[in-house]
Protein backbone atom coordinates (compact mmCIF):
# COMPACT_ATOMS: atom_id res chain seq x y z
CA UNK A 1 124.65 120.23 79.30
CA UNK A 2 121.21 119.30 80.30
CA UNK A 3 119.41 120.37 83.51
CA UNK A 4 117.45 118.29 85.74
CA UNK A 5 115.36 118.80 88.65
CA UNK A 6 115.11 116.26 91.78
CA UNK A 7 112.32 116.49 94.16
CA UNK A 8 112.48 114.69 97.25
CA UNK A 9 110.99 114.61 101.08
CA UNK A 10 114.61 114.43 102.44
CA UNK A 11 117.65 115.59 101.73
CA UNK A 12 120.89 116.22 103.43
CA UNK A 13 121.52 117.30 106.41
CA UNK A 14 118.85 115.12 107.15
CA UNK A 15 120.08 111.28 107.77
CA UNK A 16 118.70 107.80 106.84
CA UNK A 17 118.61 105.96 103.88
CA UNK A 18 116.20 107.85 102.28
CA UNK A 19 118.45 111.09 102.25
CA UNK A 20 121.30 109.18 101.30
CA UNK A 21 120.03 107.72 98.21
CA UNK A 22 118.61 111.18 96.78
CA UNK A 23 121.97 112.56 97.44
CA UNK A 24 123.88 110.32 96.17
CA UNK A 25 121.94 109.98 92.73
CA UNK A 26 122.06 113.72 92.41
CA UNK A 27 125.78 113.70 93.13
CA UNK A 28 126.08 110.47 90.40
CA UNK A 29 124.06 112.84 87.79
CA UNK A 30 126.41 115.78 88.59
CA UNK A 31 129.51 113.94 88.24
CA UNK A 32 128.72 112.69 84.59
CA UNK A 33 127.02 116.06 83.02
CA UNK A 34 124.07 116.88 84.32
CA UNK A 35 123.44 120.26 86.00
CA UNK A 36 121.34 119.04 88.93
CA UNK A 37 119.09 121.10 91.00
CA UNK A 38 117.16 119.86 93.88
CA UNK A 39 113.77 120.69 95.78
CA UNK A 40 113.03 119.55 99.04
CA UNK A 41 111.73 120.68 102.31
CA UNK A 42 113.51 122.78 105.36
CA UNK A 43 115.23 119.88 106.75
CA UNK A 44 113.77 118.49 109.76
CA UNK A 45 113.85 114.48 109.49
CA UNK A 46 114.45 112.66 111.83
CA UNK A 47 113.47 114.77 114.91
CA UNK A 48 110.35 116.36 113.43
CA UNK A 49 111.64 120.12 114.49
CA UNK A 50 113.38 122.22 111.85
CA UNK A 51 117.09 122.45 111.96
CA UNK A 52 118.28 125.27 114.01
CA UNK A 53 120.29 126.89 111.12
CA UNK A 54 116.97 126.92 109.18
CA UNK A 55 114.63 128.21 111.86
CA UNK A 56 112.41 131.01 111.09
CA UNK A 57 113.04 130.64 106.93
CA UNK A 58 110.54 130.21 104.91
CA UNK A 59 112.23 128.93 101.92
CA UNK A 60 116.26 128.85 101.43
CA UNK A 61 118.60 128.51 98.32
CA UNK A 62 122.16 127.42 98.49
CA UNK A 63 124.30 125.80 96.45
CA UNK A 64 126.50 122.45 97.64
CA UNK A 65 128.65 120.20 96.26
CA UNK A 66 127.61 122.21 93.10
CA UNK A 67 124.11 121.43 93.08
CA UNK A 68 121.68 124.23 93.96
CA UNK A 69 119.18 123.12 96.76
CA UNK A 70 115.67 125.06 97.16
CA UNK A 71 114.19 124.16 100.53
CA UNK A 72 110.80 125.30 101.22
CA UNK A 73 108.41 125.74 103.89
CA UNK A 74 107.09 122.40 105.79
CA UNK A 75 104.86 121.79 108.86
CA UNK A 76 107.45 119.32 110.42
CA UNK A 77 106.32 116.22 112.88
CA UNK A 78 107.31 112.70 113.46
CA UNK A 79 104.50 112.34 115.43
CA UNK A 80 102.87 108.37 115.28
CA UNK A 81 99.00 110.40 114.77
CA UNK A 82 98.08 109.60 110.79
CA UNK A 83 96.04 113.31 110.92
CA UNK A 84 99.28 114.77 111.92
CA UNK A 85 101.30 113.15 109.90
CA UNK A 86 99.41 113.65 106.96
CA UNK A 87 99.12 117.69 107.39
CA UNK A 88 103.07 117.19 107.29
CA UNK A 89 103.33 115.88 104.29
CA UNK A 90 100.51 118.32 102.73
CA UNK A 91 102.41 121.15 103.94
CA UNK A 92 105.40 120.20 101.83
CA UNK A 93 102.99 119.21 98.83
CA UNK A 94 101.75 122.80 99.20
CA UNK A 95 104.91 124.86 98.95
CA UNK A 96 106.34 122.69 96.58
CA UNK A 97 103.37 123.08 94.09
CA UNK A 98 103.72 127.00 94.87
CA UNK A 99 107.56 126.77 93.84
CA UNK A 100 106.85 124.61 90.56
CA UNK A 101 104.04 126.38 89.63
CA UNK A 102 105.77 130.25 90.05
CA UNK A 103 109.41 128.71 89.16
CA UNK A 104 110.60 128.46 85.65
CA UNK A 105 111.72 124.22 86.29
CA UNK A 106 113.77 122.14 84.04
CA UNK A 107 112.63 120.04 81.62
CA UNK A 108 113.33 116.81 82.81
CA UNK A 109 112.08 116.49 86.78
CA UNK A 110 112.79 113.14 89.05
CA UNK A 111 110.50 112.60 91.77
CA UNK A 112 110.97 110.43 95.04
CA UNK A 113 107.85 108.56 95.73
CA UNK A 114 106.69 108.12 98.38
CA UNK A 115 105.10 109.89 99.97
CA UNK A 116 102.39 109.85 97.60
CA UNK A 117 101.00 113.01 98.02
CA UNK A 118 103.85 114.87 96.99
CA UNK A 119 104.66 112.91 94.11
CA UNK A 120 100.48 113.20 93.10
CA UNK A 121 101.12 117.19 93.04
CA UNK A 122 104.89 117.23 91.51
CA UNK A 123 103.64 114.56 88.45
CA UNK A 124 100.39 116.45 88.00
CA UNK A 125 102.22 120.34 87.69
CA UNK A 126 104.83 118.32 85.52
CA UNK A 127 101.88 117.41 83.45
CA UNK A 128 100.25 120.68 83.53
CA UNK A 129 103.90 122.63 82.22
CA UNK A 130 104.76 120.02 79.75
CA UNK A 131 107.79 118.60 81.84
CA UNK A 132 108.93 114.95 81.34
CA UNK A 133 108.36 113.45 84.95
CA UNK A 134 110.56 110.69 86.13
CA UNK A 135 109.32 108.42 89.05
CA UNK A 136 111.83 107.08 91.59
CA UNK A 137 109.74 104.70 93.33
CA UNK A 138 111.49 103.19 96.62
CA UNK A 139 108.28 101.73 98.39
CA UNK A 140 104.41 100.93 97.09
CA UNK A 141 102.40 102.95 98.82
CA UNK A 142 99.55 102.26 100.14
CA UNK A 143 100.51 98.61 99.67
CA UNK A 144 103.19 98.66 102.29
CA UNK A 145 100.97 100.48 104.45
CA UNK A 146 98.64 97.99 104.87
CA UNK A 147 101.23 95.15 105.15
CA UNK A 148 102.74 97.41 108.23
CA UNK A 149 99.05 97.48 109.73
CA UNK A 150 98.60 101.49 109.53
CA UNK A 151 96.18 101.27 107.05
CA UNK A 152 93.06 98.64 105.78
CA UNK A 153 91.04 97.79 103.10
CA UNK A 154 88.19 101.10 102.98
CA UNK A 155 87.66 104.42 101.56
CA UNK A 156 91.33 105.99 102.22
CA UNK A 157 93.33 102.98 100.88
CA UNK A 158 91.28 102.62 97.86
CA UNK A 159 91.80 106.48 97.02
CA UNK A 160 95.45 106.19 97.69
CA UNK A 161 95.48 103.59 95.10
CA UNK A 162 94.23 105.84 92.42
CA UNK A 163 96.58 107.91 93.32
CA UNK A 164 99.45 105.62 93.02
CA UNK A 165 97.85 104.48 89.71
CA UNK A 166 97.88 108.05 88.59
CA UNK A 167 101.45 108.81 89.54
CA UNK A 168 102.79 105.48 87.68
CA UNK A 169 100.26 106.32 84.50
CA UNK A 170 101.44 110.38 84.23
CA UNK A 171 105.21 109.34 84.48
CA UNK A 172 107.24 109.12 81.32
CA UNK A 173 109.59 106.76 83.25
CA UNK A 174 109.69 104.79 86.18
CA UNK A 175 113.09 103.86 88.56
CA UNK A 176 111.80 101.03 90.97
CA UNK A 177 114.10 100.01 93.88
CA UNK A 178 113.50 96.56 93.54
CA UNK A 179 112.43 93.57 91.05
CA UNK A 180 108.65 93.42 92.76
CA UNK A 181 108.25 97.19 92.61
CA UNK A 182 109.00 97.15 88.76
CA UNK A 183 106.78 94.08 88.72
CA UNK A 184 104.06 95.55 90.29
CA UNK A 185 104.15 98.72 88.52
CA UNK A 186 104.59 96.84 85.59
CA UNK A 187 101.02 95.42 86.32
CA UNK A 188 98.95 98.37 86.42
CA UNK A 189 100.63 100.75 83.98
CA UNK A 190 102.56 100.43 80.62
CA UNK A 191 104.91 103.19 81.39
CA UNK A 192 108.85 102.09 81.41
CA UNK A 193 110.75 100.89 84.22
CA UNK A 194 114.26 100.41 85.21
CA UNK A 195 115.50 98.87 88.50
CA UNK A 196 117.34 101.21 90.32
CA UNK A 197 118.18 99.85 93.38
CA UNK A 198 119.40 101.88 96.30
CA UNK A 199 123.52 100.76 95.85
CA UNK A 200 125.88 103.18 98.22
CA UNK A 201 128.65 105.34 97.02
CA UNK A 202 131.31 106.38 99.14
CA UNK A 203 135.12 105.58 99.64
CA UNK A 204 136.11 104.19 103.08
CA UNK A 205 139.44 102.48 103.81
CA UNK A 206 138.60 98.67 104.36
CA UNK A 207 141.04 97.25 107.22
CA UNK A 208 140.32 93.40 107.40
CA UNK A 209 142.99 92.29 110.19
CA UNK A 210 141.92 90.22 113.04
CA UNK A 211 139.55 91.65 115.69
CA UNK A 212 141.42 90.53 118.97
CA UNK A 213 138.44 91.55 121.16
CA UNK A 214 136.80 88.19 122.55
CA UNK A 215 133.16 89.88 122.22
CA UNK A 216 131.51 89.38 119.49
CA UNK A 217 129.95 92.99 118.25
CA UNK A 218 126.28 93.16 115.97
CA UNK A 219 125.31 96.55 114.84
CA UNK A 220 121.90 97.78 114.07
CA UNK A 221 122.61 101.50 112.79
CA UNK A 222 119.56 103.28 110.90
CA UNK A 223 116.03 104.56 111.15
CA UNK A 224 114.22 103.81 114.56
CA UNK A 225 111.03 103.54 113.63
CA UNK A 226 107.63 101.42 113.00
CA UNK A 227 108.91 98.93 110.33
CA UNK A 228 112.24 98.37 111.70
CA UNK A 229 110.67 97.27 115.18
CA UNK A 230 113.62 97.67 117.20
CA UNK A 231 111.98 97.61 120.65
CA UNK A 232 110.05 94.84 119.78
CA UNK A 233 113.45 92.99 118.99
CA UNK A 234 115.35 94.35 122.26
CA UNK A 235 112.14 92.96 123.82
CA UNK A 236 112.61 89.35 122.45
CA UNK A 237 116.06 88.98 121.49
CA UNK A 238 118.32 86.47 123.60
CA UNK A 239 121.81 87.75 123.70
CA UNK A 240 124.76 84.91 124.68
CA UNK A 241 127.22 86.51 127.17
CA UNK A 242 129.72 86.85 124.43
CA UNK A 243 127.62 89.00 121.81
CA UNK A 244 126.70 92.66 121.86
CA UNK A 245 124.21 94.46 119.86
CA UNK A 246 125.01 98.23 119.87
CA UNK A 247 122.20 100.38 118.30
CA UNK A 248 122.96 103.65 116.64
CA UNK A 249 120.24 106.15 114.82
CA UNK A 250 117.30 107.84 115.73
CA UNK A 251 113.48 107.80 114.71
CA UNK A 252 110.37 107.79 116.53
CA UNK A 253 110.93 104.73 118.54
CA UNK A 254 114.15 106.47 119.86
CA UNK A 255 112.55 107.26 123.44
CA UNK A 256 110.65 104.19 124.12
CA UNK A 257 114.06 101.84 123.24
CA UNK A 258 115.76 104.23 125.62
CA UNK A 259 113.06 103.44 128.12
CA UNK A 260 113.06 99.90 127.45
CA UNK A 261 116.67 99.71 127.89
CA UNK A 262 117.03 101.70 130.97
CA UNK A 263 113.59 99.67 133.05
CA UNK A 264 114.42 96.82 131.58
CA UNK A 265 118.30 96.72 132.35
CA UNK A 266 118.55 94.31 129.02
CA UNK A 267 122.13 92.44 128.75
CA UNK A 268 124.36 93.43 126.42
CA UNK A 269 122.36 95.83 124.20
CA UNK A 270 123.56 99.82 124.19
CA UNK A 271 121.76 102.44 122.55
CA UNK A 272 124.90 104.03 120.99
CA UNK A 273 123.36 107.64 120.01
CA UNK A 274 123.01 108.79 116.22
CA UNK A 275 126.56 109.52 114.07
CA UNK A 276 127.19 110.98 111.07
CA UNK A 277 127.89 108.63 108.40
CA UNK A 278 131.41 108.83 107.71
CA UNK A 279 131.58 108.74 111.70
CA UNK A 280 129.36 105.32 111.57
CA UNK A 281 131.23 103.82 108.85
CA UNK A 282 134.75 104.16 111.02
CA UNK A 283 133.07 102.53 113.81
CA UNK A 284 131.50 99.40 111.47
CA UNK A 285 134.98 98.79 109.70
CA UNK A 286 136.89 99.00 113.61
CA UNK A 287 134.28 97.72 115.85
CA UNK A 288 131.57 95.49 114.20
CA UNK A 289 131.57 91.96 113.24
CA UNK A 290 128.08 91.42 111.80
CA UNK A 291 124.96 93.95 111.03
CA UNK A 292 121.60 92.87 111.83
CA UNK A 293 118.81 94.44 109.40
CA UNK A 294 115.28 94.28 111.10
CA UNK A 295 111.72 94.56 109.62
CA UNK A 296 108.64 93.86 111.63
CA UNK A 297 106.54 92.22 108.39
CA UNK A 298 107.71 91.30 105.16
CA UNK A 299 107.02 94.06 102.95
CA UNK A 300 106.79 93.42 99.29
CA UNK A 301 109.12 95.75 97.43
CA UNK A 302 111.12 96.60 99.94
CA UNK A 303 115.07 96.07 99.75
CA UNK A 304 116.85 97.90 102.52
CA UNK A 305 119.45 99.86 101.41
CA UNK A 306 121.39 98.72 104.52
CA UNK A 307 121.98 95.27 102.67
CA UNK A 308 124.33 96.88 100.19
CA UNK A 309 125.89 99.38 102.74
CA UNK A 310 127.27 96.78 105.10
CA UNK A 311 127.79 94.25 102.50
CA UNK A 312 130.25 97.10 100.71
CA UNK A 313 132.11 97.29 104.30
CA UNK A 314 132.56 93.59 104.88
CA UNK A 315 130.10 92.77 107.41
CA UNK A 316 128.27 89.67 107.38
CA UNK A 317 124.04 90.25 107.45
CA UNK A 318 121.66 89.13 109.87
CA UNK A 319 118.43 89.83 107.88
CA UNK A 320 114.95 89.85 109.10
CA UNK A 321 112.85 90.61 106.62
CA UNK A 322 112.35 88.24 104.08
CA UNK A 323 111.27 88.66 100.29
CA UNK A 324 113.32 89.85 97.65
CA UNK A 325 116.10 91.49 100.25
CA UNK A 326 116.32 88.03 101.89
CA UNK A 327 116.84 86.63 98.23
CA UNK A 328 119.79 88.69 97.63
CA UNK A 329 121.45 87.88 100.98
CA UNK A 330 121.30 84.32 100.11
CA UNK A 331 122.18 84.36 96.60
CA UNK A 332 125.22 86.40 97.01
CA UNK A 333 126.24 84.79 100.41
CA UNK A 334 126.24 88.09 102.37
CA UNK A 335 125.22 86.46 105.81
CA UNK A 336 121.97 84.81 107.13
CA UNK A 337 118.00 85.39 106.57
CA UNK A 338 115.73 84.41 109.54
CA UNK A 339 111.95 84.94 108.75
CA UNK A 340 110.40 88.16 110.39
CA UNK A 341 109.21 88.09 114.03
CA UNK A 342 111.28 84.66 114.34
CA UNK A 343 112.78 85.05 117.20
CA UNK A 344 113.56 81.32 118.14
CA UNK A 345 115.19 80.63 115.05
CA UNK A 346 116.89 84.03 115.42
CA UNK A 347 118.02 83.21 119.08
CA UNK A 348 119.54 80.02 118.10
CA UNK A 349 121.39 81.86 115.18
CA UNK A 350 122.94 83.82 118.04
CA UNK A 351 123.89 81.40 120.25
CA UNK A 352 126.04 79.69 117.32
CA UNK A 353 127.72 82.52 115.85
CA UNK A 354 131.44 82.81 116.04
CA UNK A 355 133.56 85.64 114.54
CA UNK A 356 133.93 86.02 111.03
CA UNK A 357 136.98 85.33 109.59
CA UNK A 358 138.98 87.89 107.42
CA UNK A 359 138.79 85.31 104.28
CA UNK A 360 134.59 86.04 104.85
CA UNK A 361 134.74 90.08 105.58
CA UNK A 362 136.75 90.22 102.04
CA UNK A 363 134.91 87.62 100.06
CA UNK A 364 131.70 90.17 100.69
CA UNK A 365 133.56 93.39 100.25
CA UNK A 366 134.42 91.86 96.82
CA UNK A 367 130.87 90.79 95.94
CA UNK A 368 129.97 94.22 96.79
CA UNK A 369 132.22 95.71 94.51
CA UNK A 370 131.18 92.99 92.10
CA UNK A 371 127.54 93.34 92.15
CA UNK A 372 126.35 96.31 93.82
CA UNK A 373 128.08 98.66 91.42
CA UNK A 374 126.41 102.25 91.93
CA UNK A 375 128.74 103.52 88.83
CA UNK A 376 127.50 100.65 86.40
CA UNK A 377 123.58 101.12 87.34
CA UNK A 378 123.83 104.88 86.99
CA UNK A 379 125.20 104.50 82.78
CA UNK A 380 121.98 102.83 82.49
CA UNK A 381 119.69 105.19 84.53
CA UNK A 382 121.44 107.97 82.55
CA UNK A 383 120.87 106.12 79.12
CA UNK A 384 117.20 106.00 79.71
CA UNK A 385 116.79 109.17 81.13
CA UNK A 386 118.47 110.68 77.87
CA UNK A 387 115.73 108.56 76.19
CA UNK A 388 112.96 110.23 77.66
CA UNK A 389 111.60 112.87 75.52
């Protein structure tokens, strides 16, 4: 049995797409014969506070589902202040580097990127210790930051570009979450890239029997962050009398969202708090008619994992993100595509919505089963990892 280490800034019991993605990869590799270990910070996301059961610790090591999980110190924060967030990111980079330098690690290491600095130090130390670095790229930083408006051209941006290129160039294999990510990397370096989308893997009993409620339930489930713009969505959406928007999740915009909903008394919009993944899936199967997946801007390389997760549950998607994600929705008949920020078109769509039929939900679930198979994708990733040295 070969050993492999996965380094990630997010891991369960933290919630969200990033945590789910890494856990799915770790469990998948473990299931096909790898001896997997994980290195991550003490859990703190998305609240920006160390979870109660880990408070007072500098380091934690335990076996979870057969996987050895090493958690190291981090200065936690979900602040919108760039300096504070940078300090938080560098704190894990520091504790991670100490772990990698003074602990025996496997020959092959999968490194999640972003964050860029975490990936940079991990790739650098792997190179110093003669290990094979496999970079798992889920977003293109600093480009995504520029498109989100959180950074602009300047010395800092150019420095991050150099770090980004170093990470790509010094890795032995790169897993790209979208075709656009792979294309971008291939323009910069010659390192082998493999498409590795964020397909979910979960077991759930689907029930497409008719829902006799006269209301149409649209669900947003995920991170309440800057990129998703849920507050902006709520301030601009015009829901017909028979349409309800239920919001589930946590993140930097949670308190602002609750304030807006309370102060403006927005009709038919309800913040339902945060659920575990299994609890959320149960709600989606029993209650939801549509899922909405918004982005503030079209972000090159970004394909939200919620597209694939909602499709596996058989929910038609209303996608406001453009780019490759929009193409996937259209080509696979998964729902509707609206340009980011085009609330006029969104409201026109909402006014014409009807309940999705059982046949439509079943067709979407079948498409997901056939086209978004995690197991088939893992076979190719495993083959490529085995080819690395």
